[in-house]
Amino acid sequence: RKDGGTFYLLTTVDDGNGATWTGLRPFAVDVASGRVTMANGQIMAGGQTLSGGQTLSGNTKINDTLTLANALSIASGGTGANSVDGARNN
């Protein structure tokens, strides 16, 4: 469904003809910029590569290994210690 400048992938309450849309908008594309918004949570498997800059907000949990190729920077206002028990420098 395209509303103005945004294209949405929508879900319905029930299958079949005449089904009504839910209030969820899990996937949206800004038609002018191509920017994609994914809401309601994501599960990504098989590995991901992120390039450009990333900003994580809210609570971020890593269940396995985080590998940093260069450096880690914690801006002022960040919490935690300068070193972490069990962390290693490869």
N, C-alpha and C. Protein backbone atom coordinates (compact mmCIF):
# COMPACT_ATOMS: atom_id res chain seq x y z
N ARG A 1 0.85 -1.17 0.00
CA ARG A 1 0.00 0.00 0.00
C ARG A 1 0.90 1.23 0.00
N LYS A 2 0.58 2.18 -0.83
CA LYS A 2 1.35 3.42 -0.88
C LYS A 2 0.45 4.56 -0.40
N ASP A 3 0.90 5.20 0.68
CA ASP A 3 0.22 6.38 1.22
C ASP A 3 1.17 7.55 1.11
N GLY A 4 0.88 8.48 0.24
CA GLY A 4 1.77 9.63 0.06
C GLY A 4 3.13 9.18 -0.40
N GLY A 5 4.16 9.51 0.37
CA GLY A 5 5.53 9.17 -0.01
C GLY A 5 6.05 7.90 0.61
N THR A 6 5.18 7.10 1.23
CA THR A 6 5.62 5.88 1.90
C THR A 6 4.89 4.66 1.36
N PHE A 7 5.67 3.62 1.08
CA PHE A 7 5.13 2.33 0.65
C PHE A 7 5.20 1.39 1.85
N TYR A 8 4.08 0.73 2.19
CA TYR A 8 3.99 -0.16 3.35
C TYR A 8 3.71 -1.59 2.93
N LEU A 9 4.32 -2.54 3.62
CA LEU A 9 3.94 -3.93 3.55
C LEU A 9 3.02 -4.15 4.75
N LEU A 10 1.77 -4.48 4.50
CA LEU A 10 0.77 -4.56 5.57
C LEU A 10 0.38 -6.00 5.85
N THR A 11 -0.16 -6.22 7.03
CA THR A 11 -0.69 -7.53 7.40
C THR A 11 -2.19 -7.40 7.64
N THR A 12 -2.89 -8.52 7.51
CA THR A 12 -4.33 -8.52 7.72
C THR A 12 -4.69 -9.33 8.96
N VAL A 13 -5.89 -9.07 9.46
CA VAL A 13 -6.38 -9.80 10.63
C VAL A 13 -6.64 -11.25 10.25
N ASP A 14 -7.30 -11.48 9.14
CA ASP A 14 -7.62 -12.83 8.66
C ASP A 14 -7.22 -12.95 7.20
N ASP A 15 -7.09 -14.19 6.76
CA ASP A 15 -6.84 -14.43 5.34
C ASP A 15 -8.14 -14.31 4.56
N GLY A 16 -8.01 -14.14 3.28
CA GLY A 16 -9.19 -14.17 2.41
C GLY A 16 -9.63 -12.80 1.97
N ASN A 17 -10.60 -12.81 1.07
CA ASN A 17 -11.16 -11.56 0.55
C ASN A 17 -11.88 -10.80 1.65
N GLY A 18 -11.74 -9.50 1.64
CA GLY A 18 -12.44 -8.68 2.62
C GLY A 18 -11.76 -8.59 3.97
N ALA A 19 -10.55 -9.17 4.10
CA ALA A 19 -9.84 -9.11 5.38
C ALA A 19 -9.46 -7.66 5.67
N THR A 20 -9.42 -7.30 6.94
CA THR A 20 -9.07 -5.93 7.32
C THR A 20 -7.61 -5.86 7.74
N TRP A 21 -7.00 -4.67 7.51
CA TRP A 21 -5.61 -4.44 7.88
C TRP A 21 -5.47 -4.38 9.40
N THR A 22 -4.34 -4.85 9.90
CA THR A 22 -4.03 -4.65 11.32
C THR A 22 -3.40 -3.27 11.47
N GLY A 23 -3.15 -2.86 12.69
CA GLY A 23 -2.50 -1.57 12.94
C GLY A 23 -0.99 -1.63 12.79
N LEU A 24 -0.45 -2.81 12.52
CA LEU A 24 1.00 -2.97 12.41
C LEU A 24 1.50 -2.42 11.08
N ARG A 25 2.65 -1.82 11.10
CA ARG A 25 3.32 -1.34 9.89
C ARG A 25 4.77 -1.83 9.97
N PRO A 26 4.99 -3.17 9.79
CA PRO A 26 6.31 -3.74 10.04
C PRO A 26 7.39 -3.35 9.04
N PHE A 27 7.00 -2.93 7.83
CA PHE A 27 7.98 -2.65 6.80
C PHE A 27 7.50 -1.47 5.98
N ALA A 28 8.34 -0.43 5.89
CA ALA A 28 7.96 0.76 5.13
C ALA A 28 9.16 1.25 4.34
N VAL A 29 8.90 1.79 3.16
CA VAL A 29 9.95 2.36 2.31
C VAL A 29 9.57 3.80 1.99
N ASP A 30 10.49 4.73 2.28
CA ASP A 30 10.31 6.11 1.87
C ASP A 30 10.60 6.15 0.37
N VAL A 31 9.58 6.46 -0.42
CA VAL A 31 9.70 6.37 -1.87
C VAL A 31 10.74 7.35 -2.41
N ALA A 32 10.88 8.52 -1.82
CA ALA A 32 11.82 9.52 -2.32
C ALA A 32 13.28 9.16 -2.01
N SER A 33 13.54 8.69 -0.78
CA SER A 33 14.93 8.44 -0.37
C SER A 33 15.34 6.98 -0.50
N GLY A 34 14.36 6.07 -0.52
CA GLY A 34 14.67 4.65 -0.52
C GLY A 34 14.97 4.09 0.85
N ARG A 35 14.89 4.93 1.88
CA ARG A 35 15.18 4.49 3.25
C ARG A 35 14.11 3.51 3.71
N VAL A 36 14.56 2.40 4.30
CA VAL A 36 13.67 1.35 4.76
C VAL A 36 13.53 1.42 6.28
N THR A 37 12.32 1.30 6.76
CA THR A 37 12.05 1.24 8.19
C THR A 37 11.43 -0.11 8.49
N MET A 38 12.02 -0.82 9.47
CA MET A 38 11.44 -2.09 9.92
C MET A 38 11.08 -1.91 11.39
N ALA A 39 9.82 -2.15 11.69
CA ALA A 39 9.33 -1.96 13.05
C ALA A 39 8.84 -3.29 13.62
N ASN A 40 8.45 -3.28 14.88
CA ASN A 40 7.88 -4.44 15.57
C ASN A 40 8.90 -5.54 15.82
N GLY A 41 10.20 -5.25 15.69
CA GLY A 41 11.25 -6.22 15.98
C GLY A 41 11.66 -6.99 14.74
N GLN A 42 12.90 -7.44 14.71
CA GLN A 42 13.42 -8.20 13.59
C GLN A 42 14.21 -9.38 14.11
N ILE A 43 14.18 -10.45 13.34
CA ILE A 43 15.06 -11.59 13.57
C ILE A 43 15.83 -11.77 12.28
N MET A 44 17.15 -11.66 12.37
CA MET A 44 17.99 -11.82 11.19
C MET A 44 18.94 -12.97 11.44
N ALA A 45 18.98 -13.90 10.53
CA ALA A 45 19.85 -15.07 10.67
C ALA A 45 20.73 -15.18 9.44
N GLY A 46 21.83 -15.88 9.58
CA GLY A 46 22.70 -16.14 8.45
C GLY A 46 23.82 -15.14 8.29
N GLY A 47 23.92 -14.17 9.17
CA GLY A 47 25.00 -13.20 9.12
C GLY A 47 24.59 -11.92 8.42
N GLN A 48 25.06 -10.81 8.92
CA GLN A 48 24.75 -9.51 8.35
C GLN A 48 26.03 -8.70 8.24
N THR A 49 26.07 -7.86 7.24
CA THR A 49 27.15 -6.90 7.10
C THR A 49 26.53 -5.52 7.12
N LEU A 50 26.98 -4.69 8.03
CA LEU A 50 26.49 -3.33 8.14
C LEU A 50 27.60 -2.40 7.72
N SER A 51 27.30 -1.47 6.83
CA SER A 51 28.31 -0.50 6.44
C SER A 51 27.73 0.90 6.59
N GLY A 52 28.59 1.89 6.51
CA GLY A 52 28.14 3.25 6.80
C GLY A 52 28.28 3.45 8.29
N GLY A 53 27.40 4.17 8.90
CA GLY A 53 27.43 4.36 10.34
C GLY A 53 26.20 3.73 10.96
N GLN A 54 26.34 3.17 12.12
CA GLN A 54 25.22 2.56 12.82
C GLN A 54 25.03 3.24 14.16
N THR A 55 23.79 3.44 14.51
CA THR A 55 23.43 3.98 15.81
C THR A 55 22.49 2.99 16.47
N LEU A 56 22.86 2.52 17.65
CA LEU A 56 22.00 1.64 18.42
C LEU A 56 21.42 2.44 19.56
N SER A 57 20.12 2.37 19.73
CA SER A 57 19.49 3.08 20.85
C SER A 57 18.68 2.09 21.66
N GLY A 58 18.39 2.46 22.87
CA GLY A 58 17.70 1.53 23.76
C GLY A 58 18.68 0.51 24.28
N ASN A 59 18.18 -0.59 24.79
CA ASN A 59 19.03 -1.65 25.31
C ASN A 59 19.44 -2.55 24.16
N THR A 60 20.72 -2.83 24.07
CA THR A 60 21.24 -3.70 23.02
C THR A 60 21.87 -4.91 23.68
N LYS A 61 21.44 -6.09 23.30
CA LYS A 61 21.94 -7.32 23.90
C LYS A 61 22.62 -8.16 22.82
N ILE A 62 23.82 -8.63 23.13
CA ILE A 62 24.55 -9.50 22.22
C ILE A 62 24.64 -10.85 22.90
N ASN A 63 24.08 -11.87 22.27
CA ASN A 63 24.01 -13.20 22.89
C ASN A 63 25.23 -14.06 22.61
N ASP A 64 26.10 -13.65 21.72
CA ASP A 64 27.24 -14.47 21.37
C ASP A 64 28.49 -13.60 21.34
N THR A 65 29.20 -13.57 20.26
CA THR A 65 30.46 -12.86 20.18
C THR A 65 30.31 -11.58 19.36
N LEU A 66 30.87 -10.50 19.84
CA LEU A 66 30.94 -9.25 19.10
C LEU A 66 32.40 -9.03 18.74
N THR A 67 32.68 -8.89 17.46
CA THR A 67 34.04 -8.64 17.00
C THR A 67 34.10 -7.24 16.43
N LEU A 68 35.02 -6.44 16.95
CA LEU A 68 35.22 -5.08 16.46
C LEU A 68 36.54 -5.05 15.69
N ALA A 69 36.47 -4.58 14.45
CA ALA A 69 37.66 -4.58 13.61
C ALA A 69 38.64 -3.49 14.00
N ASN A 70 38.17 -2.37 14.51
CA ASN A 70 39.07 -1.26 14.78
C ASN A 70 38.98 -0.80 16.23
N ALA A 71 38.03 0.05 16.54
CA ALA A 71 37.99 0.63 17.88
C ALA A 71 36.56 0.72 18.39
N LEU A 72 36.43 0.84 19.69
CA LEU A 72 35.15 1.04 20.35
C LEU A 72 35.22 2.36 21.08
N SER A 73 34.21 3.16 20.92
CA SER A 73 34.16 4.45 21.60
C SER A 73 32.85 4.56 22.36
N ILE A 74 32.93 4.95 23.62
CA ILE A 74 31.74 5.18 24.43
C ILE A 74 31.68 6.67 24.71
N ALA A 75 30.60 7.30 24.23
CA ALA A 75 30.45 8.74 24.37
C ALA A 75 30.17 9.10 25.82
N SER A 76 30.37 10.37 26.17
CA SER A 76 30.09 10.82 27.52
C SER A 76 28.64 10.51 27.85
N GLY A 77 28.42 10.13 29.07
CA GLY A 77 27.08 9.73 29.47
C GLY A 77 26.88 8.23 29.39
N GLY A 78 27.84 7.54 28.75
CA GLY A 78 27.75 6.08 28.68
C GLY A 78 28.02 5.48 30.04
N THR A 79 27.55 4.28 30.25
CA THR A 79 27.78 3.63 31.54
C THR A 79 28.64 2.40 31.33
N GLY A 80 29.22 1.97 32.39
CA GLY A 80 30.05 0.77 32.34
C GLY A 80 31.49 1.10 32.66
N ALA A 81 32.28 0.07 32.76
CA ALA A 81 33.69 0.22 33.11
C ALA A 81 34.52 0.46 31.87
N ASN A 82 35.77 0.92 32.08
CA ASN A 82 36.68 1.11 30.97
C ASN A 82 37.16 -0.21 30.39
N SER A 83 37.12 -1.27 31.17
CA SER A 83 37.46 -2.60 30.68
C SER A 83 36.38 -3.56 31.16
N VAL A 84 36.27 -4.65 30.47
CA VAL A 84 35.22 -5.63 30.79
C VAL A 84 35.89 -6.94 31.09
N ASP A 85 35.50 -7.57 32.20
CA ASP A 85 36.03 -8.89 32.54
C ASP A 85 35.74 -9.85 31.40
N GLY A 86 36.71 -10.61 31.00
CA GLY A 86 36.53 -11.60 29.96
C GLY A 86 36.73 -11.07 28.55
N ALA A 87 36.89 -9.75 28.41
CA ALA A 87 37.11 -9.18 27.09
C ALA A 87 38.54 -9.46 26.67
N ARG A 88 38.74 -9.64 25.37
CA ARG A 88 40.09 -9.87 24.89
C ARG A 88 40.34 -9.05 23.64
N ASN A 89 41.58 -8.73 23.43
CA ASN A 89 41.99 -7.96 22.25
C ASN A 89 42.65 -8.94 21.29
N ASN A 90 42.04 -9.15 20.12
CA ASN A 90 42.60 -10.12 19.15
C ASN A 90 43.69 -9.49 18.35
